[in-house]
Each structure stands twice: as structure tokens, then as C-alpha cells.
Amino acid sequence: MKKTMNFFLLGSLLAFVLVAVTERSAQIEVSAQAGNQVTLSNFKFEPKTLTVPEGTTVTWTNKEGTHTVKSDADAFGSKTLKAGESFTYEFAKAGKYPYYCGFHGSKGGGDMAGVIIVTKKK
């Protein structure tokens, strides 16, 4: 009976630790993803400037209206995004990537525009 109780307690402890580690890993992953998000709303990109390391995938999510995400240098571009739709792009190389909404902004940072700054991995 004592051996059975010890195995039960050990199993319960291991299950608790596994759940705690899994939850923490999920929190870290969500936090990392949240840092790679740009929101389109009220005719602006938030944040206007986002800095990420090479190899990062950035997601733009449209909260309202109709918008696009277009690179000034034609490196990337979305289809027309309706409310609730998203566009993602992976930044493989370090550099500065200005972009704008084709409906409400212009190249060079006019009106609805933003920039992704990609840093070299250390």
C-alpha cells in the first residue's frame, strides 16, 4: 500500500510539473508572437515602427476598414485586407523595410505608413 501511495504521489507531482512547464512554454510562445504583430486600425499601423531579428515572421492584422500592406521597395505586399483578415511575411535579411497602405498611405512614409527594422541575429 505504501509503494502504491508513493507511486501515486510521484505520478501526480510529475503531472503537475508537466502541466506547469507546458503552460509556461505556451505563454512564452504567445509573448514572442505578440511582439511580431502590427495592427491596422483608424488609418494607422500600430506600432508604426517595429524592430525584429532576422528570420522573424511579422503578422499584420486588420481590425477595421479595408487596407493593404505594401513594401516601398516591392519586397512584399498583401492582397486587400478586410476587417479580421491578416497578412504575414518572414524577414530573412537585416535591413529597414518601409511600407504603406495602398489606399490610405504612400511610399516614403506618407499618411498610413510604417517601417519594419530587421536586426542581425547575434
N, C-alpha and C. Protein backbone atom coordinates (compact mmCIF):
# COMPACT_ATOMS: atom_id res chain seq x y z
N MET A 1 0.82 -1.19 0.00
CA MET A 1 0.00 0.00 0.00
C MET A 1 0.87 1.26 0.00
N LYS A 2 1.96 1.23 0.80
CA LYS A 2 2.85 2.38 0.88
C LYS A 2 3.52 2.65 -0.47
N LYS A 3 3.97 1.57 -1.20
CA LYS A 3 4.57 1.73 -2.51
C LYS A 3 3.57 2.32 -3.50
N THR A 4 2.34 1.84 -3.46
CA THR A 4 1.30 2.34 -4.35
C THR A 4 1.06 3.82 -4.10
N MET A 5 1.02 4.22 -2.83
CA MET A 5 0.80 5.62 -2.46
C MET A 5 1.96 6.48 -2.97
N ASN A 6 3.19 5.99 -2.82
CA ASN A 6 4.36 6.74 -3.28
C ASN A 6 4.33 6.93 -4.80
N PHE A 7 3.97 5.87 -5.55
CA PHE A 7 3.88 5.98 -6.99
C PHE A 7 2.78 6.95 -7.40
N PHE A 8 1.67 6.92 -6.68
CA PHE A 8 0.56 7.83 -6.97
C PHE A 8 1.01 9.28 -6.74
N LEU A 9 1.68 9.55 -5.62
CA LEU A 9 2.15 10.90 -5.33
C LEU A 9 3.20 11.36 -6.34
N LEU A 10 4.11 10.47 -6.69
CA LEU A 10 5.13 10.80 -7.68
C LEU A 10 4.50 11.09 -9.04
N GLY A 11 3.55 10.28 -9.44
CA GLY A 11 2.84 10.48 -10.71
C GLY A 11 2.09 11.80 -10.71
N SER A 12 1.44 12.12 -9.60
CA SER A 12 0.71 13.38 -9.50
C SER A 12 1.66 14.57 -9.59
N LEU A 13 2.79 14.46 -8.91
CA LEU A 13 3.78 15.53 -8.94
C LEU A 13 4.32 15.73 -10.36
N LEU A 14 4.64 14.64 -11.03
CA LEU A 14 5.14 14.74 -12.41
C LEU A 14 4.10 15.36 -13.34
N ALA A 15 2.85 14.98 -13.18
CA ALA A 15 1.78 15.54 -14.00
C ALA A 15 1.66 17.04 -13.76
N PHE A 16 1.76 17.47 -12.51
CA PHE A 16 1.69 18.89 -12.16
C PHE A 16 2.84 19.66 -12.81
N VAL A 17 4.05 19.12 -12.71
CA VAL A 17 5.22 19.78 -13.29
C VAL A 17 5.08 19.86 -14.80
N LEU A 18 4.63 18.80 -15.43
CA LEU A 18 4.46 18.79 -16.88
C LEU A 18 3.45 19.85 -17.31
N VAL A 19 2.34 19.96 -16.61
CA VAL A 19 1.33 20.97 -16.94
C VAL A 19 1.91 22.37 -16.76
N ALA A 20 2.63 22.61 -15.67
CA ALA A 20 3.22 23.92 -15.41
C ALA A 20 4.23 24.29 -16.49
N VAL A 21 5.08 23.35 -16.89
CA VAL A 21 6.08 23.62 -17.93
C VAL A 21 5.40 23.89 -19.27
N THR A 22 4.38 23.11 -19.60
CA THR A 22 3.66 23.28 -20.86
C THR A 22 2.98 24.64 -20.90
N GLU A 23 2.33 25.04 -19.80
CA GLU A 23 1.66 26.34 -19.76
C GLU A 23 2.67 27.47 -19.90
N ARG A 24 3.81 27.36 -19.25
CA ARG A 24 4.84 28.40 -19.32
C ARG A 24 5.39 28.50 -20.74
N SER A 25 5.62 27.38 -21.39
CA SER A 25 6.12 27.38 -22.76
C SER A 25 5.11 28.06 -23.69
N ALA A 26 3.84 27.79 -23.49
CA ALA A 26 2.79 28.41 -24.31
C ALA A 26 2.76 29.92 -24.07
N GLN A 27 2.95 30.36 -22.82
CA GLN A 27 2.97 31.79 -22.52
C GLN A 27 4.15 32.47 -23.21
N ILE A 28 5.31 31.83 -23.18
CA ILE A 28 6.49 32.40 -23.82
C ILE A 28 6.27 32.51 -25.32
N GLU A 29 5.70 31.47 -25.93
CA GLU A 29 5.45 31.48 -27.37
C GLU A 29 4.47 32.58 -27.74
N VAL A 30 3.39 32.74 -26.98
CA VAL A 30 2.40 33.79 -27.25
C VAL A 30 3.05 35.15 -27.10
N SER A 31 3.89 35.36 -26.07
CA SER A 31 4.56 36.64 -25.87
C SER A 31 5.46 36.96 -27.06
N ALA A 32 6.20 35.98 -27.54
CA ALA A 32 7.09 36.20 -28.68
C ALA A 32 6.28 36.56 -29.91
N GLN A 33 5.17 35.88 -30.13
CA GLN A 33 4.32 36.17 -31.28
C GLN A 33 3.69 37.54 -31.16
N ALA A 34 3.26 37.91 -29.96
CA ALA A 34 2.62 39.21 -29.76
C ALA A 34 3.57 40.34 -30.13
N GLY A 35 4.87 40.14 -29.93
CA GLY A 35 5.86 41.15 -30.27
C GLY A 35 6.08 41.30 -31.76
N ASN A 36 5.52 40.42 -32.56
CA ASN A 36 5.70 40.44 -34.01
C ASN A 36 4.40 40.78 -34.72
N GLN A 37 3.55 41.55 -34.06
CA GLN A 37 2.24 41.89 -34.59
C GLN A 37 2.13 43.37 -34.91
N VAL A 38 1.47 43.68 -36.00
CA VAL A 38 1.13 45.06 -36.35
C VAL A 38 -0.38 45.09 -36.58
N THR A 39 -1.04 46.06 -35.98
CA THR A 39 -2.49 46.20 -36.12
C THR A 39 -2.80 47.36 -37.07
N LEU A 40 -3.75 47.13 -37.97
CA LEU A 40 -4.22 48.17 -38.87
C LEU A 40 -5.57 48.63 -38.35
N SER A 41 -5.67 49.90 -37.96
CA SER A 41 -6.95 50.46 -37.50
C SER A 41 -6.87 51.98 -37.48
N ASN A 42 -8.02 52.62 -37.62
CA ASN A 42 -8.08 54.08 -37.59
C ASN A 42 -7.06 54.72 -38.52
N PHE A 43 -6.88 54.13 -39.69
CA PHE A 43 -5.98 54.65 -40.72
C PHE A 43 -4.53 54.80 -40.24
N LYS A 44 -4.10 53.82 -39.42
CA LYS A 44 -2.70 53.80 -38.98
C LYS A 44 -2.25 52.37 -38.70
N PHE A 45 -0.93 52.19 -38.70
CA PHE A 45 -0.30 50.93 -38.32
C PHE A 45 0.19 51.09 -36.88
N GLU A 46 -0.12 50.10 -36.04
CA GLU A 46 0.36 50.14 -34.65
C GLU A 46 1.08 48.84 -34.33
N PRO A 47 2.34 48.89 -33.96
CA PRO A 47 3.18 50.07 -33.86
C PRO A 47 3.60 50.55 -35.24
N LYS A 48 3.93 51.83 -35.32
CA LYS A 48 4.36 52.42 -36.60
C LYS A 48 5.73 51.89 -36.99
N THR A 49 6.59 51.68 -35.98
CA THR A 49 7.92 51.11 -36.20
C THR A 49 8.06 49.86 -35.35
N LEU A 50 8.48 48.77 -35.96
CA LEU A 50 8.67 47.50 -35.26
C LEU A 50 10.07 46.99 -35.56
N THR A 51 10.82 46.64 -34.51
CA THR A 51 12.17 46.09 -34.68
C THR A 51 12.15 44.62 -34.30
N VAL A 52 12.66 43.78 -35.22
CA VAL A 52 12.68 42.33 -35.02
C VAL A 52 14.01 41.77 -35.51
N PRO A 53 14.42 40.59 -35.02
CA PRO A 53 15.64 39.96 -35.53
C PRO A 53 15.39 39.24 -36.86
N GLU A 54 16.46 39.00 -37.61
CA GLU A 54 16.36 38.24 -38.86
C GLU A 54 15.63 36.93 -38.62
N GLY A 55 14.86 36.50 -39.62
CA GLY A 55 14.14 35.24 -39.53
C GLY A 55 12.78 35.35 -38.86
N THR A 56 12.39 36.54 -38.47
CA THR A 56 11.11 36.75 -37.78
C THR A 56 9.98 36.89 -38.79
N THR A 57 8.86 36.27 -38.48
CA THR A 57 7.65 36.45 -39.27
C THR A 57 6.79 37.49 -38.58
N VAL A 58 6.42 38.52 -39.32
CA VAL A 58 5.57 39.58 -38.80
C VAL A 58 4.17 39.38 -39.37
N THR A 59 3.17 39.60 -38.52
CA THR A 59 1.77 39.48 -38.94
C THR A 59 1.08 40.83 -38.79
N TRP A 60 0.47 41.29 -39.86
CA TRP A 60 -0.36 42.49 -39.84
C TRP A 60 -1.81 42.03 -39.79
N THR A 61 -2.57 42.54 -38.84
CA THR A 61 -3.98 42.16 -38.70
C THR A 61 -4.85 43.40 -38.82
N ASN A 62 -5.80 43.35 -39.74
CA ASN A 62 -6.70 44.47 -39.98
C ASN A 62 -7.89 44.40 -39.02
N LYS A 63 -8.06 45.42 -38.21
CA LYS A 63 -9.16 45.47 -37.25
C LYS A 63 -10.41 46.12 -37.82
N GLU A 64 -10.24 47.03 -38.80
CA GLU A 64 -11.41 47.72 -39.36
C GLU A 64 -11.09 48.31 -40.72
N GLY A 65 -12.12 48.48 -41.51
CA GLY A 65 -11.95 49.07 -42.82
C GLY A 65 -11.31 48.11 -43.81
N THR A 66 -10.81 48.70 -44.91
CA THR A 66 -10.15 47.94 -45.97
C THR A 66 -8.77 48.56 -46.19
N HIS A 67 -7.74 47.73 -46.11
CA HIS A 67 -6.37 48.22 -46.21
C HIS A 67 -5.49 47.22 -46.95
N THR A 68 -4.28 47.67 -47.29
CA THR A 68 -3.25 46.79 -47.83
C THR A 68 -1.95 47.06 -47.08
N VAL A 69 -1.00 46.16 -47.25
CA VAL A 69 0.36 46.33 -46.72
C VAL A 69 1.28 46.20 -47.93
N LYS A 70 1.95 47.31 -48.30
CA LYS A 70 2.80 47.30 -49.49
C LYS A 70 4.19 47.83 -49.14
N SER A 71 5.19 47.07 -49.46
CA SER A 71 6.58 47.48 -49.26
C SER A 71 6.93 48.62 -50.22
N ASP A 72 7.64 49.64 -49.72
CA ASP A 72 8.10 50.73 -50.59
C ASP A 72 8.95 50.19 -51.74
N ALA A 73 9.73 49.14 -51.48
CA ALA A 73 10.65 48.57 -52.48
C ALA A 73 10.07 47.33 -53.16
N ASP A 74 8.78 47.10 -53.00
CA ASP A 74 8.10 45.92 -53.58
C ASP A 74 8.68 44.60 -53.10
N ALA A 75 9.22 44.56 -51.88
CA ALA A 75 9.74 43.32 -51.30
C ALA A 75 8.61 42.41 -50.85
N PHE A 76 7.48 42.98 -50.48
CA PHE A 76 6.31 42.21 -50.04
C PHE A 76 5.05 43.05 -50.27
N GLY A 77 3.93 42.38 -50.31
CA GLY A 77 2.66 43.07 -50.47
C GLY A 77 1.50 42.14 -50.20
N SER A 78 0.49 42.67 -49.57
CA SER A 78 -0.70 41.87 -49.25
C SER A 78 -1.77 42.07 -50.31
N LYS A 79 -2.74 41.21 -50.27
CA LYS A 79 -3.97 41.44 -51.03
C LYS A 79 -4.75 42.49 -50.24
N THR A 80 -5.88 42.92 -50.73
CA THR A 80 -6.73 43.83 -49.97
C THR A 80 -7.26 43.09 -48.75
N LEU A 81 -7.02 43.66 -47.57
CA LEU A 81 -7.43 43.03 -46.31
C LEU A 81 -8.70 43.67 -45.79
N LYS A 82 -9.70 42.85 -45.56
CA LYS A 82 -10.94 43.30 -44.92
C LYS A 82 -10.79 43.12 -43.42
N ALA A 83 -11.70 43.69 -42.65
CA ALA A 83 -11.66 43.57 -41.19
C ALA A 83 -11.57 42.10 -40.79
N GLY A 84 -10.63 41.79 -39.89
CA GLY A 84 -10.44 40.43 -39.40
C GLY A 84 -9.43 39.61 -40.19
N GLU A 85 -8.97 40.12 -41.33
CA GLU A 85 -8.00 39.38 -42.14
C GLU A 85 -6.58 39.79 -41.78
N SER A 86 -5.63 38.88 -42.08
CA SER A 86 -4.23 39.10 -41.74
C SER A 86 -3.32 38.82 -42.93
N PHE A 87 -2.11 39.35 -42.83
CA PHE A 87 -1.05 39.12 -43.81
C PHE A 87 0.23 38.87 -43.03
N THR A 88 1.02 37.89 -43.46
CA THR A 88 2.28 37.60 -42.78
C THR A 88 3.43 37.62 -43.79
N TYR A 89 4.60 37.97 -43.28
CA TYR A 89 5.80 37.99 -44.11
C TYR A 89 7.00 37.69 -43.23
N GLU A 90 7.90 36.82 -43.70
CA GLU A 90 9.11 36.49 -42.95
C GLU A 90 10.26 37.37 -43.44
N PHE A 91 10.91 38.04 -42.50
CA PHE A 91 12.04 38.91 -42.80
C PHE A 91 13.34 38.13 -42.60
N ALA A 92 13.94 37.70 -43.71
CA ALA A 92 15.13 36.84 -43.66
C ALA A 92 16.42 37.64 -43.53
N LYS A 93 16.43 38.88 -44.02
CA LYS A 93 17.65 39.67 -44.08
C LYS A 93 17.52 40.95 -43.28
N ALA A 94 18.62 41.32 -42.60
CA ALA A 94 18.64 42.57 -41.85
C ALA A 94 18.46 43.75 -42.80
N GLY A 95 17.81 44.79 -42.30
CA GLY A 95 17.60 45.99 -43.10
C GLY A 95 16.41 46.78 -42.61
N LYS A 96 16.10 47.82 -43.32
CA LYS A 96 14.96 48.69 -43.00
C LYS A 96 13.93 48.51 -44.10
N TYR A 97 12.70 48.18 -43.72
CA TYR A 97 11.64 47.87 -44.68
C TYR A 97 10.45 48.80 -44.48
N PRO A 98 10.45 49.97 -45.14
CA PRO A 98 9.29 50.85 -45.04
C PRO A 98 8.13 50.28 -45.86
N TYR A 99 6.91 50.53 -45.40
CA TYR A 99 5.71 50.03 -46.08
C TYR A 99 4.57 51.02 -45.88
N TYR A 100 3.48 50.81 -46.61
CA TYR A 100 2.34 51.72 -46.53
C TYR A 100 1.06 51.00 -46.95
N CYS A 101 -0.07 51.62 -46.69
CA CYS A 101 -1.37 51.13 -47.16
C CYS A 101 -1.59 51.73 -48.54
N GLY A 102 -1.90 50.91 -49.52
CA GLY A 102 -2.11 51.38 -50.88
C GLY A 102 -3.31 52.29 -51.03
N PHE A 103 -4.25 52.25 -50.10
CA PHE A 103 -5.44 53.10 -50.16
C PHE A 103 -5.27 54.41 -49.38
N HIS A 104 -4.53 54.36 -48.28
CA HIS A 104 -4.50 55.50 -47.35
C HIS A 104 -3.11 56.02 -47.03
N GLY A 105 -2.10 55.55 -47.73
CA GLY A 105 -0.74 55.99 -47.47
C GLY A 105 0.04 56.12 -48.76
N SER A 106 1.34 56.36 -48.62
CA SER A 106 2.19 56.45 -49.80
C SER A 106 3.63 56.10 -49.44
N LYS A 107 4.40 55.77 -50.48
CA LYS A 107 5.82 55.46 -50.30
C LYS A 107 6.49 56.65 -49.62
N GLY A 108 7.51 56.32 -48.83
CA GLY A 108 8.25 57.39 -48.16
C GLY A 108 7.64 57.82 -46.83
N GLY A 109 6.64 57.08 -46.35
CA GLY A 109 6.09 57.37 -45.02
C GLY A 109 4.90 58.29 -44.98
N GLY A 110 4.26 58.53 -46.11
CA GLY A 110 3.11 59.43 -46.13
C GLY A 110 1.86 58.78 -45.55
N ASP A 111 1.19 59.51 -44.65
CA ASP A 111 -0.08 59.10 -44.03
C ASP A 111 0.00 57.71 -43.41
N MET A 112 -0.77 56.75 -43.92
CA MET A 112 -0.81 55.41 -43.30
C MET A 112 0.40 54.62 -43.77
N ALA A 113 1.47 54.69 -42.97
CA ALA A 113 2.73 54.03 -43.34
C ALA A 113 3.44 53.57 -42.07
N GLY A 114 4.38 52.66 -42.25
CA GLY A 114 5.15 52.15 -41.13
C GLY A 114 6.49 51.63 -41.61
N VAL A 115 7.25 51.07 -40.68
CA VAL A 115 8.56 50.52 -41.05
C VAL A 115 8.88 49.34 -40.14
N ILE A 116 9.46 48.30 -40.75
CA ILE A 116 9.99 47.16 -40.01
C ILE A 116 11.50 47.28 -40.07
N ILE A 117 12.15 47.27 -38.91
CA ILE A 117 13.61 47.29 -38.83
C ILE A 117 14.05 45.89 -38.42
N VAL A 118 14.84 45.26 -39.27
CA VAL A 118 15.29 43.90 -39.04
C VAL A 118 16.77 43.94 -38.67
N THR A 119 17.08 43.41 -37.48
CA THR A 119 18.45 43.40 -36.99
C THR A 119 19.11 42.05 -37.25
N LYS A 120 20.43 42.05 -37.32
CA LYS A 120 21.18 40.80 -37.49
C LYS A 120 21.08 39.98 -36.22
N LYS A 121 20.97 38.65 -36.40
CA LYS A 121 20.98 37.75 -35.24
C LYS A 121 22.36 37.74 -34.65
N LYS A 122 22.40 37.65 -33.35
CA LYS A 122 23.71 37.62 -32.66
C LYS A 122 24.21 36.22 -32.50
